[in-house]
Protein backbone atom coordinates (compact mmCIF):
# COMPACT_ATOMS: atom_id res chain seq x y z
CA UNK A 1 145.15 149.62 105.85
CA UNK A 2 143.26 151.77 108.11
CA UNK A 3 141.47 150.33 111.22
CA UNK A 4 143.25 146.92 110.77
CA UNK A 5 141.84 144.15 112.97
CA UNK A 6 142.84 140.65 114.08
CA UNK A 7 141.00 137.62 115.64
CA UNK A 8 141.21 137.26 119.33
CA UNK A 9 139.58 133.86 120.19
CA UNK A 10 137.12 133.38 123.08
CA UNK A 11 139.53 130.86 124.78
CA UNK A 12 141.54 133.96 125.87
CA UNK A 13 139.01 134.21 128.70
CA UNK A 14 139.85 130.69 130.13
CA UNK A 15 143.16 129.70 128.69
CA UNK A 16 145.28 128.93 131.82
CA UNK A 17 148.48 130.20 130.25
CA UNK A 18 146.69 133.64 129.83
CA UNK A 19 144.43 133.72 132.85
CA UNK A 20 147.31 132.70 135.29
CA UNK A 21 149.05 135.96 134.36
CA UNK A 22 148.43 139.27 136.00
CA UNK A 23 146.01 141.77 134.23
CA UNK A 24 149.02 143.94 133.47
CA UNK A 25 150.70 141.04 131.70
CA UNK A 26 147.48 140.27 129.86
CA UNK A 27 147.29 143.85 128.66
CA UNK A 28 150.85 143.73 127.39
CA UNK A 29 150.20 140.55 125.43
CA UNK A 30 147.21 142.17 123.77
CA UNK A 31 149.19 145.15 123.06
CA UNK A 32 151.81 143.06 121.30
CA UNK A 33 148.97 141.49 119.29
CA UNK A 34 147.87 145.01 118.21
CA UNK A 35 151.46 145.96 117.26
CA UNK A 36 151.77 142.79 115.20
CA UNK A 37 148.49 143.43 113.45
CA UNK A 38 149.59 146.95 112.45
CA UNK A 39 153.11 145.69 111.15
CA UNK A 40 154.71 147.73 113.76
CA UNK A 41 156.25 145.16 116.04
CA UNK A 42 158.77 143.91 113.49
CA UNK A 43 160.27 147.42 113.09
CA UNK A 44 160.82 148.23 116.70
CA UNK A 45 163.91 147.96 118.87
CA UNK A 46 163.37 146.71 122.46
CA UNK A 47 163.51 150.30 123.80
CA UNK A 48 160.65 151.14 121.36
CA UNK A 49 158.66 148.13 122.39
CA UNK A 50 158.97 149.25 126.03
CA UNK A 51 157.71 152.69 124.96
CA UNK A 52 154.73 151.25 123.16
CA UNK A 53 153.80 149.15 126.17
CA UNK A 54 154.37 152.12 128.52
CA UNK A 55 156.66 150.14 130.74
CA UNK A 56 160.34 150.40 131.91
CA UNK A 57 163.25 148.43 130.60
CA UNK A 58 163.19 146.22 133.64
CA UNK A 59 159.56 145.50 133.21
CA UNK A 60 160.17 144.78 129.48
CA UNK A 61 162.76 142.17 130.40
CA UNK A 62 160.40 140.52 132.86
CA UNK A 63 157.68 140.54 130.30
CA UNK A 64 159.83 139.10 127.58
CA UNK A 65 161.11 136.23 129.84
CA UNK A 66 157.50 135.31 130.83
CA UNK A 67 156.13 135.43 127.31
CA UNK A 68 159.05 133.31 125.91
CA UNK A 69 158.53 130.75 128.63
CA UNK A 70 154.72 130.53 127.79
CA UNK A 71 155.50 130.15 124.10
CA UNK A 72 153.77 133.44 123.17
CA UNK A 73 156.87 134.92 121.48
CA UNK A 74 160.42 134.00 120.46
CA UNK A 75 163.61 135.93 121.43
CA UNK A 76 163.05 138.37 118.61
CA UNK A 77 159.56 139.26 119.66
CA UNK A 78 157.91 137.36 116.93
CA UNK A 79 154.39 136.20 117.91
CA UNK A 80 154.28 132.50 117.68
CA UNK A 81 151.21 130.80 116.02
CA UNK A 82 150.13 134.13 114.62
CA UNK A 83 149.73 133.06 111.04
CA UNK A 84 147.92 129.87 112.08
CA UNK A 85 145.32 131.80 114.09
CA UNK A 86 144.67 134.47 111.57
CA UNK A 87 142.99 133.81 108.23
CA UNK A 88 145.14 134.09 105.14
CA UNK A 89 143.14 137.12 104.18
CA UNK A 90 144.16 138.76 107.42
CA UNK A 91 147.79 137.89 107.06
CA UNK A 92 150.53 140.49 106.55
CA UNK A 93 153.23 137.84 106.21
CA UNK A 94 154.42 138.98 102.78
CA UNK A 95 154.64 142.62 103.87
CA UNK A 96 156.66 141.55 106.99
CA UNK A 97 158.87 139.32 104.89
CA UNK A 98 159.51 142.18 102.49
CA UNK A 99 160.36 144.58 105.28
CA UNK A 100 162.86 142.12 106.81
CA UNK A 101 164.45 141.56 103.45
CA UNK A 102 164.88 145.32 102.89
CA UNK A 103 166.40 145.81 106.42
CA UNK A 104 168.73 142.87 105.83
CA UNK A 105 169.85 144.44 102.51
CA UNK A 106 170.55 147.76 104.21
CA UNK A 107 172.60 145.99 106.80
CA UNK A 108 174.67 144.28 104.23
CA UNK A 109 175.23 147.56 102.32
CA UNK A 110 176.40 149.42 105.47
CA UNK A 111 178.30 146.50 106.86
CA UNK A 112 176.53 147.31 110.23
CA UNK A 113 174.44 144.62 111.91
CA UNK A 114 172.23 147.12 113.57
CA UNK A 115 169.68 149.20 111.70
CA UNK A 116 169.52 152.78 113.01
CA UNK A 117 166.33 153.83 114.73
CA UNK A 118 165.80 156.89 112.53
CA UNK A 119 165.14 154.64 109.50
CA UNK A 120 162.14 153.03 111.31
CA UNK A 121 158.73 154.75 111.26
CA UNK A 122 156.87 154.12 114.45
CA UNK A 123 155.16 155.97 117.32
CA UNK A 124 158.43 155.70 119.31
CA UNK A 125 160.39 158.98 119.56
CA UNK A 126 163.03 159.42 116.86
CA UNK A 127 166.73 159.00 117.63
CA UNK A 128 169.13 161.82 118.34
CA UNK A 129 170.97 161.07 115.02
CA UNK A 130 168.44 162.83 112.83
CA UNK A 131 168.10 162.64 109.12
CA UNK A 132 165.51 163.92 106.61
CA UNK A 133 166.67 161.59 103.80
CA UNK A 134 163.70 159.27 104.35
CA UNK A 135 161.21 162.02 103.55
CA UNK A 136 160.41 163.05 100.03
CA UNK A 137 160.06 166.65 98.97
CA UNK A 138 156.40 166.22 98.94
CA UNK A 139 156.29 165.15 102.63
CA UNK A 140 159.12 167.26 103.99
CA UNK A 141 158.51 168.48 107.60
CA UNK A 142 158.62 172.04 108.80
CA UNK A 143 162.13 173.07 109.76
CA UNK A 144 162.72 172.84 113.49
CA UNK A 145 161.99 176.33 115.02
CA UNK A 146 164.66 176.30 117.61
CA UNK A 147 164.12 179.84 118.71
CA UNK A 148 160.40 179.41 119.18
CA UNK A 149 160.80 176.15 121.23
CA UNK A 150 163.37 177.88 123.47
CA UNK A 151 160.81 180.75 124.02
CA UNK A 152 158.22 178.17 124.94
CA UNK A 153 160.67 176.48 127.39
CA UNK A 154 161.52 179.84 128.91
CA UNK A 155 157.81 180.86 129.29
CA UNK A 156 156.61 177.53 130.86
CA UNK A 157 159.82 176.73 132.86
CA UNK A 158 161.45 179.97 133.88
CA UNK A 159 162.77 178.29 137.09
CA UNK A 160 165.01 175.96 135.21
CA UNK A 161 168.39 176.81 133.65
CA UNK A 162 168.04 178.55 130.29
CA UNK A 163 170.33 177.41 127.40
CA UNK A 164 172.23 179.84 125.19
CA UNK A 165 170.70 179.74 121.66
CA UNK A 166 173.84 179.71 119.69
CA UNK A 167 175.52 176.91 121.69
CA UNK A 168 172.20 174.87 121.72
CA UNK A 169 171.58 174.78 117.96
CA UNK A 170 175.16 173.86 117.04
CA UNK A 171 175.60 171.01 119.42
CA UNK A 172 174.19 167.53 120.10
CA UNK A 173 171.35 169.01 122.21
CA UNK A 174 170.16 170.74 119.07
CA UNK A 175 170.16 167.53 117.09
CA UNK A 176 168.17 165.83 119.91
CA UNK A 177 165.50 168.61 119.82
CA UNK A 178 165.27 168.25 116.08
CA UNK A 179 164.61 164.51 116.43
CA UNK A 180 161.96 165.09 119.04
CA UNK A 181 160.39 167.80 116.70
CA UNK A 182 160.26 165.25 113.82
CA UNK A 183 158.65 162.67 116.12
CA UNK A 184 155.88 165.04 117.10
CA UNK A 185 155.15 165.63 113.42
CA UNK A 186 155.07 161.96 112.40
CA UNK A 187 153.76 160.09 115.40
CA UNK A 188 149.89 159.32 115.78
CA UNK A 189 147.67 159.24 118.75
CA UNK A 190 147.11 155.66 119.93
CA UNK A 191 143.67 155.98 121.68
CA UNK A 192 140.97 158.33 122.20
CA UNK A 193 138.86 160.30 119.72
CA UNK A 194 141.99 161.17 117.65
CA UNK A 195 143.34 157.55 117.51
CA UNK A 196 145.34 157.09 114.35
CA UNK A 197 145.70 160.87 113.71
CA UNK A 198 148.96 162.50 113.74
CA UNK A 199 149.81 164.59 116.72
CA UNK A 200 150.74 167.54 114.65
CA UNK A 201 150.48 168.17 110.85
CA UNK A 202 152.16 171.68 110.80
CA UNK A 203 154.49 173.97 112.68
CA UNK A 204 151.73 175.66 114.72
CA UNK A 205 150.24 172.35 115.96
CA UNK A 206 153.76 171.05 116.78
CA UNK A 207 154.55 174.17 118.81
CA UNK A 208 151.25 173.81 120.67
CA UNK A 209 152.17 170.15 121.46
CA UNK A 210 155.45 171.27 122.97
CA UNK A 211 153.84 173.97 124.93
CA UNK A 212 151.70 171.38 126.55
CA UNK A 213 154.64 169.11 127.10
CA UNK A 214 156.61 171.85 128.93
CA UNK A 215 153.52 172.75 131.01
CA UNK A 216 153.14 169.13 131.99
CA UNK A 217 156.87 169.07 133.09
CA UNK A 218 156.27 172.22 135.18
CA UNK A 219 153.71 170.28 137.36
CA UNK A 220 156.31 167.50 138.32
CA UNK A 221 157.87 168.24 141.67
CA UNK A 222 160.67 165.62 140.85
CA UNK A 223 161.55 167.13 137.50
CA UNK A 224 161.51 170.68 138.83
CA UNK A 225 163.65 169.84 141.92
CA UNK A 226 161.11 171.11 144.35
CA UNK A 227 161.83 168.38 146.88
CA UNK A 228 165.49 167.58 145.98
CA UNK A 229 168.68 169.20 144.87
CA UNK A 230 168.57 167.89 141.25
CA UNK A 231 166.31 169.32 138.63
CA UNK A 232 165.97 168.57 134.90
CA UNK A 233 166.92 171.03 132.18
CA UNK A 234 166.16 171.25 128.38
CA UNK A 235 169.03 169.10 127.35
CA UNK A 236 167.91 166.37 129.67
CA UNK A 237 164.19 166.53 128.49
CA UNK A 238 165.33 166.37 124.85
CA UNK A 239 167.34 163.14 125.24
CA UNK A 240 165.57 160.16 123.74
CA UNK A 241 165.58 158.01 126.96
CA UNK A 242 164.39 160.82 129.21
CA UNK A 243 161.80 162.21 126.68
CA UNK A 244 160.36 158.79 126.41
CA UNK A 245 160.10 158.27 130.19
CA UNK A 246 158.39 161.60 130.63
CA UNK A 247 155.74 160.63 127.92
CA UNK A 248 155.39 157.24 129.49
CA UNK A 249 154.19 158.99 132.70
CA UNK A 250 157.03 157.76 134.86
CA UNK A 251 156.83 161.03 136.81
CA UNK A 252 153.07 161.34 137.09
CA UNK A 253 153.08 160.17 140.72
CA UNK A 254 155.54 162.87 141.44
CA UNK A 255 153.56 165.71 140.06
CA UNK A 256 151.72 168.35 142.16
CA UNK A 257 148.24 167.50 143.17
């Protein structure tokens, strides 16, 4: 359902449990409501929840502890009292139950208690263990153009170490780049005029997105090592944890003016 919505009651403005929290915590609570409304919350790992809220792992742990103590969520990030506060016509309970049953069945088949991230569809970056099995032939994504991405990296970031193409594609770094490529082609903008639209729908748009990403990196003194001995490289940027931190703006305050 496009433009899904949920009910936020006026008591939010004077409920002591809410108003005694900082504005940052209030925003995170509303973000969780939005994720629950879109059926996204149930599919996320905690690292993905942190990305969606644009906070660090430490801030996520603090947030979870507070929200559990206030009775907003349980230990699995399920929003308590959601069904009671939303009308039955708004409820996605059956869809959520179906999703959980499917995930449980997959866990039983694999004998693994943890469902891999690449089997989840969300706006969080894909895992480095990449697979295209979840995509039908009709929705197959453009093949990752390693050579073109390496050219963009070299053009925008010539000061950084340049990887060897043959070694890059064959190794784990190549798999990480492929996962990031898939994410750009499947994730959607969360706000602004393009909210809900995919970041890229073809190879040209995805390459343009990476060009902007590398240009953004070039403006960070910290990432470029302008005021320290360490600097990032392409392998570092393509790792899920680091890629997520860059997108979350962790290095904005360390960029050039």
